Structures are given as structure tokens and as C-alpha cells.
Amino acid sequence: MEQKDLTHKIIGCAMKVHSTLGNGFQEVIYQRALAIELEKQGLGFQREMEMPIFYEGIQIGTRRVDFFVQDVLLVELKAVIKLEDVHLAQAMNYCQAYKLPLGLLINFGAKSLEFKRVYNLNYKSV
């Protein structure tokens, strides 16, 4: 499945969750509901997958991504009133750290679902 189609499918799942639950819950509630919707769509994913962070070839820590879908796309969830630049920067940094071309940042905390496709500007396809 192409990444554009994959992101479209994930956003559709997030829209279903948001229209059902609305805003106001903690992030973990949306995470659990989104996992159910992703499964219903037949999408393979890992939730809270721990991934290493490297600096100059040396592992300096780990970070858990909310979802790693189809082994190609990270999805970072938020449940805040408004997405801030820091949330976007965090998702972009994860894409760079994991050498992924694209990620999704989804916010369930606003009155309307917010989502942003996040691109790794340093990504070089092999």
C-alpha cells in the first residue's frame, strides 16, 4: 500500500474515533480506540514500540512511538487543546531519528480532529 493511501486510511480511523468519543479524554483512551479501528481496517501495527535514538552512531536512549503502522509509518498522538510547533518538531525529529520519510501527528484534544503529515526533509531513499 502506498504511503498516501496508508495515511488516508489511518486518518479515516482517527476521524471515526474522534466522532465517536469527541474531545476531552486522556491520550491513552484515544490510543486504545485507534488500535481497535486500525485492527478493523486490517492494518498491521505495533503500539508503544520502543525505538533506539542514536547520536553519531552511538545509542543514547530510546523513545516509544505511539504507533508504528505497516512497518513504515509512525503515528504520534496528542490530546491537547491546540497543536503547537513543539509537537510538530517532535514528530519530525522522530521521523529523522528513525530514518522514515513520513509520519502522522494526530490531535484528538481539539473540538475538531487535527492531523498533520510530517515529512523527513533529510530522508534519502535507497
N, C-alpha and C. Protein backbone atom coordinates (compact mmCIF):
# COMPACT_ATOMS: atom_id res chain seq x y z
N MET A 1 0.84 -1.17 0.00
CA MET A 1 0.00 0.00 0.00
C MET A 1 0.89 1.25 0.00
N GLU A 2 0.57 2.19 -0.86
CA GLU A 2 1.35 3.43 -0.92
C GLU A 2 1.16 4.24 0.36
N GLN A 3 2.16 5.03 0.70
CA GLN A 3 2.09 5.80 1.94
C GLN A 3 0.93 6.78 1.95
N LYS A 4 0.60 7.35 0.79
CA LYS A 4 -0.52 8.28 0.73
C LYS A 4 -1.82 7.56 1.09
N ASP A 5 -2.00 6.36 0.55
CA ASP A 5 -3.19 5.57 0.86
C ASP A 5 -3.21 5.15 2.33
N LEU A 6 -2.04 4.81 2.85
CA LEU A 6 -1.92 4.39 4.24
C LEU A 6 -2.28 5.54 5.18
N THR A 7 -1.74 6.72 4.93
CA THR A 7 -2.06 7.86 5.79
C THR A 7 -3.55 8.20 5.71
N HIS A 8 -4.11 8.09 4.52
CA HIS A 8 -5.54 8.36 4.33
C HIS A 8 -6.38 7.39 5.18
N LYS A 9 -6.00 6.13 5.17
CA LYS A 9 -6.72 5.11 5.94
C LYS A 9 -6.61 5.37 7.45
N ILE A 10 -5.42 5.72 7.90
CA ILE A 10 -5.20 6.00 9.32
C ILE A 10 -6.00 7.23 9.76
N ILE A 11 -5.99 8.26 8.94
CA ILE A 11 -6.75 9.48 9.25
C ILE A 11 -8.24 9.15 9.33
N GLY A 12 -8.72 8.30 8.44
CA GLY A 12 -10.11 7.88 8.49
C GLY A 12 -10.44 7.17 9.80
N CYS A 13 -9.54 6.32 10.25
CA CYS A 13 -9.73 5.64 11.54
C CYS A 13 -9.78 6.66 12.68
N ALA A 14 -8.87 7.63 12.64
CA ALA A 14 -8.82 8.66 13.68
C ALA A 14 -10.11 9.49 13.67
N MET A 15 -10.63 9.79 12.49
CA MET A 15 -11.87 10.55 12.39
C MET A 15 -13.04 9.78 13.02
N LYS A 16 -13.06 8.48 12.80
CA LYS A 16 -14.12 7.66 13.39
C LYS A 16 -14.03 7.69 14.91
N VAL A 17 -12.81 7.56 15.43
CA VAL A 17 -12.61 7.60 16.88
C VAL A 17 -13.06 8.96 17.43
N HIS A 18 -12.63 10.03 16.79
CA HIS A 18 -12.96 11.37 17.29
C HIS A 18 -14.46 11.64 17.21
N SER A 19 -15.09 11.20 16.14
CA SER A 19 -16.53 11.45 16.02
C SER A 19 -17.32 10.63 17.04
N THR A 20 -16.77 9.49 17.44
CA THR A 20 -17.44 8.64 18.43
C THR A 20 -17.20 9.14 19.86
N LEU A 21 -15.95 9.48 20.19
CA LEU A 21 -15.60 9.86 21.56
C LEU A 21 -15.63 11.36 21.82
N GLY A 22 -15.43 12.16 20.76
CA GLY A 22 -15.30 13.60 20.96
C GLY A 22 -13.95 13.92 21.59
N ASN A 23 -13.81 15.15 22.07
CA ASN A 23 -12.56 15.52 22.71
C ASN A 23 -12.72 15.50 24.22
N GLY A 24 -11.62 15.60 24.95
CA GLY A 24 -11.68 15.69 26.40
C GLY A 24 -11.14 14.51 27.18
N PHE A 25 -10.79 13.43 26.48
CA PHE A 25 -10.22 12.28 27.18
C PHE A 25 -8.70 12.35 27.18
N GLN A 26 -8.08 11.52 28.01
CA GLN A 26 -6.62 11.41 28.01
C GLN A 26 -6.17 10.69 26.74
N GLU A 27 -4.93 10.93 26.37
CA GLU A 27 -4.36 10.36 25.15
C GLU A 27 -4.49 8.84 25.09
N VAL A 28 -4.30 8.16 26.21
CA VAL A 28 -4.33 6.70 26.22
C VAL A 28 -5.70 6.15 25.79
N ILE A 29 -6.77 6.87 26.08
CA ILE A 29 -8.11 6.44 25.66
C ILE A 29 -8.21 6.46 24.14
N TYR A 30 -7.71 7.51 23.53
CA TYR A 30 -7.73 7.60 22.07
C TYR A 30 -6.81 6.56 21.45
N GLN A 31 -5.70 6.32 22.12
CA GLN A 31 -4.75 5.31 21.63
C GLN A 31 -5.41 3.94 21.58
N ARG A 32 -6.13 3.58 22.62
CA ARG A 32 -6.80 2.28 22.67
C ARG A 32 -7.89 2.17 21.61
N ALA A 33 -8.67 3.26 21.46
CA ALA A 33 -9.74 3.25 20.46
C ALA A 33 -9.17 3.20 19.05
N LEU A 34 -8.09 3.93 18.79
CA LEU A 34 -7.48 3.92 17.46
C LEU A 34 -6.93 2.54 17.14
N ALA A 35 -6.39 1.84 18.13
CA ALA A 35 -5.89 0.48 17.92
C ALA A 35 -7.04 -0.43 17.43
N ILE A 36 -8.21 -0.26 18.00
CA ILE A 36 -9.37 -1.07 17.59
C ILE A 36 -9.73 -0.76 16.14
N GLU A 37 -9.73 0.52 15.78
CA GLU A 37 -10.09 0.91 14.41
C GLU A 37 -9.03 0.44 13.39
N LEU A 38 -7.76 0.54 13.76
CA LEU A 38 -6.70 0.07 12.85
C LEU A 38 -6.84 -1.43 12.60
N GLU A 39 -7.14 -2.18 13.67
CA GLU A 39 -7.35 -3.62 13.52
C GLU A 39 -8.53 -3.91 12.60
N LYS A 40 -9.62 -3.17 12.77
CA LYS A 40 -10.81 -3.36 11.93
C LYS A 40 -10.50 -3.11 10.45
N GLN A 41 -9.53 -2.22 10.19
CA GLN A 41 -9.14 -1.91 8.81
C GLN A 41 -8.07 -2.87 8.28
N GLY A 42 -7.66 -3.82 9.11
CA GLY A 42 -6.67 -4.80 8.68
C GLY A 42 -5.26 -4.26 8.58
N LEU A 43 -4.98 -3.19 9.30
CA LEU A 43 -3.64 -2.60 9.27
C LEU A 43 -2.77 -3.20 10.36
N GLY A 44 -1.59 -3.62 9.99
CA GLY A 44 -0.65 -4.14 10.97
C GLY A 44 0.03 -2.99 11.69
N PHE A 45 0.20 -3.12 12.99
CA PHE A 45 0.84 -2.04 13.75
C PHE A 45 1.41 -2.58 15.05
N GLN A 46 2.32 -1.80 15.59
CA GLN A 46 2.82 -2.04 16.94
C GLN A 46 2.50 -0.78 17.73
N ARG A 47 2.03 -0.97 18.94
CA ARG A 47 1.68 0.16 19.80
C ARG A 47 2.77 0.35 20.83
N GLU A 48 3.11 1.60 21.11
CA GLU A 48 4.15 1.94 22.08
C GLU A 48 5.45 1.17 21.81
N MET A 49 5.82 1.15 20.55
CA MET A 49 7.04 0.45 20.16
C MET A 49 8.27 1.27 20.57
N GLU A 50 9.15 0.63 21.29
CA GLU A 50 10.37 1.30 21.73
C GLU A 50 11.39 1.28 20.61
N MET A 51 11.90 2.45 20.28
CA MET A 51 12.87 2.56 19.20
C MET A 51 14.11 3.28 19.73
N PRO A 52 15.28 2.84 19.30
CA PRO A 52 16.52 3.46 19.80
C PRO A 52 16.76 4.83 19.17
N ILE A 53 17.43 5.70 19.92
CA ILE A 53 17.87 7.00 19.43
C ILE A 53 19.40 6.97 19.41
N PHE A 54 19.96 7.36 18.27
CA PHE A 54 21.41 7.35 18.10
C PHE A 54 21.95 8.76 17.92
N TYR A 55 23.14 8.97 18.41
CA TYR A 55 23.88 10.19 18.16
C TYR A 55 25.26 9.78 17.69
N GLU A 56 25.59 10.15 16.47
CA GLU A 56 26.87 9.81 15.85
C GLU A 56 27.17 8.32 15.98
N GLY A 57 26.16 7.51 15.72
CA GLY A 57 26.34 6.07 15.71
C GLY A 57 26.28 5.40 17.08
N ILE A 58 26.09 6.17 18.13
CA ILE A 58 26.06 5.61 19.48
C ILE A 58 24.64 5.73 20.02
N GLN A 59 24.11 4.63 20.53
CA GLN A 59 22.77 4.68 21.11
C GLN A 59 22.80 5.46 22.41
N ILE A 60 21.95 6.50 22.47
CA ILE A 60 21.93 7.37 23.65
C ILE A 60 20.61 7.30 24.41
N GLY A 61 19.70 6.49 23.92
CA GLY A 61 18.42 6.37 24.60
C GLY A 61 17.39 5.70 23.72
N THR A 62 16.18 5.68 24.20
CA THR A 62 15.08 5.11 23.44
C THR A 62 13.87 6.03 23.54
N ARG A 63 12.94 5.84 22.65
CA ARG A 63 11.68 6.59 22.65
C ARG A 63 10.58 5.65 22.20
N ARG A 64 9.45 5.74 22.82
CA ARG A 64 8.31 4.93 22.42
C ARG A 64 7.44 5.73 21.47
N VAL A 65 7.21 5.19 20.29
CA VAL A 65 6.29 5.83 19.35
C VAL A 65 4.90 5.27 19.64
N ASP A 66 3.88 6.12 19.52
CA ASP A 66 2.53 5.69 19.85
C ASP A 66 2.10 4.52 18.96
N PHE A 67 2.32 4.65 17.66
CA PHE A 67 2.02 3.57 16.71
C PHE A 67 3.09 3.53 15.64
N PHE A 68 3.46 2.33 15.25
CA PHE A 68 4.31 2.11 14.09
C PHE A 68 3.49 1.20 13.18
N VAL A 69 2.99 1.77 12.07
CA VAL A 69 2.00 1.10 11.24
C VAL A 69 2.64 0.53 9.98
N GLN A 70 2.31 -0.74 9.71
CA GLN A 70 2.77 -1.44 8.49
C GLN A 70 4.29 -1.40 8.34
N ASP A 71 5.00 -1.24 9.44
CA ASP A 71 6.47 -1.19 9.46
C ASP A 71 7.06 -0.06 8.62
N VAL A 72 6.27 0.98 8.33
CA VAL A 72 6.78 2.08 7.51
C VAL A 72 6.39 3.47 7.98
N LEU A 73 5.41 3.57 8.89
CA LEU A 73 4.88 4.89 9.20
C LEU A 73 4.67 5.04 10.71
N LEU A 74 5.22 6.12 11.28
CA LEU A 74 4.98 6.36 12.70
C LEU A 74 3.80 7.30 12.85
N VAL A 75 3.04 7.06 13.90
CA VAL A 75 1.88 7.90 14.22
C VAL A 75 2.05 8.36 15.67
N GLU A 76 2.12 9.67 15.84
CA GLU A 76 2.25 10.27 17.16
C GLU A 76 0.92 10.91 17.52
N LEU A 77 0.37 10.55 18.68
CA LEU A 77 -0.92 11.06 19.12
C LEU A 77 -0.75 12.13 20.19
N LYS A 78 -1.69 13.07 20.18
CA LYS A 78 -1.78 14.09 21.21
C LYS A 78 -3.24 14.24 21.59
N ALA A 79 -3.47 14.75 22.80
CA ALA A 79 -4.82 15.07 23.26
C ALA A 79 -4.74 16.43 23.94
N VAL A 80 -4.42 17.44 23.13
CA VAL A 80 -4.24 18.80 23.63
C VAL A 80 -5.24 19.73 22.95
N ILE A 81 -5.49 20.87 23.57
CA ILE A 81 -6.47 21.81 23.00
C ILE A 81 -6.02 22.30 21.63
N LYS A 82 -4.72 22.55 21.49
CA LYS A 82 -4.20 23.07 20.22
C LYS A 82 -2.80 22.51 19.98
N LEU A 83 -2.55 22.04 18.77
CA LEU A 83 -1.21 21.59 18.42
C LEU A 83 -0.27 22.80 18.40
N GLU A 84 0.90 22.60 18.94
CA GLU A 84 1.92 23.65 18.98
C GLU A 84 3.09 23.23 18.09
N ASP A 85 3.96 24.20 17.79
CA ASP A 85 5.13 23.91 16.96
C ASP A 85 6.00 22.82 17.57
N VAL A 86 6.05 22.77 18.91
CA VAL A 86 6.88 21.77 19.59
C VAL A 86 6.38 20.35 19.28
N HIS A 87 5.07 20.16 19.14
CA HIS A 87 4.53 18.84 18.81
C HIS A 87 4.94 18.44 17.39
N LEU A 88 4.89 19.40 16.49
CA LEU A 88 5.30 19.15 15.10
C LEU A 88 6.79 18.83 15.04
N ALA A 89 7.59 19.59 15.76
CA ALA A 89 9.04 19.35 15.79
C ALA A 89 9.35 17.97 16.35
N GLN A 90 8.62 17.56 17.39
CA GLN A 90 8.83 16.24 17.98
C GLN A 90 8.58 15.15 16.95
N ALA A 91 7.47 15.23 16.23
CA ALA A 91 7.14 14.21 15.22
C ALA A 91 8.17 14.21 14.10
N MET A 92 8.62 15.40 13.69
CA MET A 92 9.63 15.48 12.63
C MET A 92 10.95 14.87 13.11
N ASN A 93 11.31 15.13 14.36
CA ASN A 93 12.54 14.56 14.92
C ASN A 93 12.48 13.04 14.94
N TYR A 94 11.32 12.49 15.28
CA TYR A 94 11.17 11.04 15.29
C TYR A 94 11.36 10.46 13.90
N CYS A 95 10.79 11.12 12.91
CA CYS A 95 10.96 10.65 11.52
C CYS A 95 12.44 10.64 11.14
N GLN A 96 13.15 11.68 11.54
CA GLN A 96 14.57 11.75 11.23
C GLN A 96 15.36 10.69 12.01
N ALA A 97 15.05 10.56 13.29
CA ALA A 97 15.78 9.60 14.13
C ALA A 97 15.58 8.17 13.64
N TYR A 98 14.39 7.87 13.14
CA TYR A 98 14.08 6.50 12.69
C TYR A 98 14.25 6.31 11.19
N LYS A 99 14.75 7.40 10.53
CA LYS A 99 15.02 7.36 9.09
C LYS A 99 13.79 6.96 8.28
N LEU A 100 12.65 7.57 8.63
CA LEU A 100 11.39 7.34 7.93
C LEU A 100 11.05 8.56 7.10
N PRO A 101 10.50 8.37 5.91
CA PRO A 101 10.19 9.51 5.06
C PRO A 101 8.98 10.32 5.53
N LEU A 102 8.07 9.66 6.27
CA LEU A 102 6.80 10.28 6.57
C LEU A 102 6.24 9.79 7.90
N GLY A 103 5.55 10.66 8.60
CA GLY A 103 4.85 10.30 9.82
C GLY A 103 3.55 11.07 9.90
N LEU A 104 2.75 10.74 10.89
CA LEU A 104 1.49 11.43 11.13
C LEU A 104 1.43 11.93 12.56
N LEU A 105 0.98 13.14 12.72
CA LEU A 105 0.73 13.72 14.02
C LEU A 105 -0.78 13.95 14.10
N ILE A 106 -1.42 13.32 15.08
CA ILE A 106 -2.87 13.40 15.21
C ILE A 106 -3.23 13.92 16.60
N ASN A 107 -4.10 14.94 16.63
CA ASN A 107 -4.54 15.52 17.89
C ASN A 107 -6.04 15.31 18.07
N PHE A 108 -6.37 14.59 19.14
CA PHE A 108 -7.77 14.31 19.48
C PHE A 108 -8.34 15.34 20.46
N GLY A 109 -7.51 16.23 21.00
CA GLY A 109 -7.95 17.13 22.06
C GLY A 109 -8.74 18.34 21.61
N ALA A 110 -8.66 18.68 20.34
CA ALA A 110 -9.38 19.84 19.83
C ALA A 110 -10.83 19.47 19.52
N LYS A 111 -11.66 20.49 19.36
CA LYS A 111 -13.07 20.25 19.05
C LYS A 111 -13.21 19.46 17.75
N SER A 112 -12.38 19.79 16.76
CA SER A 112 -12.32 19.03 15.51
C SER A 112 -10.98 18.31 15.48
N LEU A 113 -10.97 17.10 14.93
CA LEU A 113 -9.73 16.34 14.83
C LEU A 113 -8.70 17.14 14.04
N GLU A 114 -7.48 17.17 14.55
CA GLU A 114 -6.37 17.82 13.84
C GLU A 114 -5.37 16.74 13.45
N PHE A 115 -4.86 16.85 12.23
CA PHE A 115 -3.80 15.92 11.81
C PHE A 115 -2.85 16.64 10.88
N LYS A 116 -1.61 16.20 10.91
CA LYS A 116 -0.59 16.75 10.03
C LYS A 116 0.29 15.62 9.54
N ARG A 117 0.52 15.61 8.25
CA ARG A 117 1.53 14.71 7.70
C ARG A 117 2.88 15.37 7.95
N VAL A 118 3.81 14.61 8.48
CA VAL A 118 5.12 15.12 8.86
C VAL A 118 6.15 14.48 7.95
N TYR A 119 6.96 15.31 7.32
CA TYR A 119 7.94 14.81 6.36
C TYR A 119 9.35 14.93 6.91
N ASN A 120 10.15 13.94 6.64
CA ASN A 120 11.57 13.95 6.99
C ASN A 120 12.31 14.56 5.81
N LEU A 121 12.72 15.81 5.94
CA LEU A 121 13.38 16.52 4.85
C LEU A 121 14.78 15.97 4.56
N ASN A 122 15.31 15.19 5.49
CA ASN A 122 16.65 14.60 5.31
C ASN A 122 16.59 13.18 4.75
N TYR A 123 15.37 12.68 4.49
CA TYR A 123 15.22 11.29 4.05
C TYR A 123 15.79 11.11 2.66
N LYS A 124 16.58 10.05 2.52
CA LYS A 124 17.14 9.67 1.22
C LYS A 124 16.73 8.24 0.95
N SER A 125 15.94 8.04 -0.10
CA SER A 125 15.52 6.68 -0.42
C SER A 125 16.70 5.89 -0.95
N VAL A 126 16.68 4.60 -0.66
CA VAL A 126 17.80 3.74 -1.04
C VAL A 126 17.59 3.20 -2.43
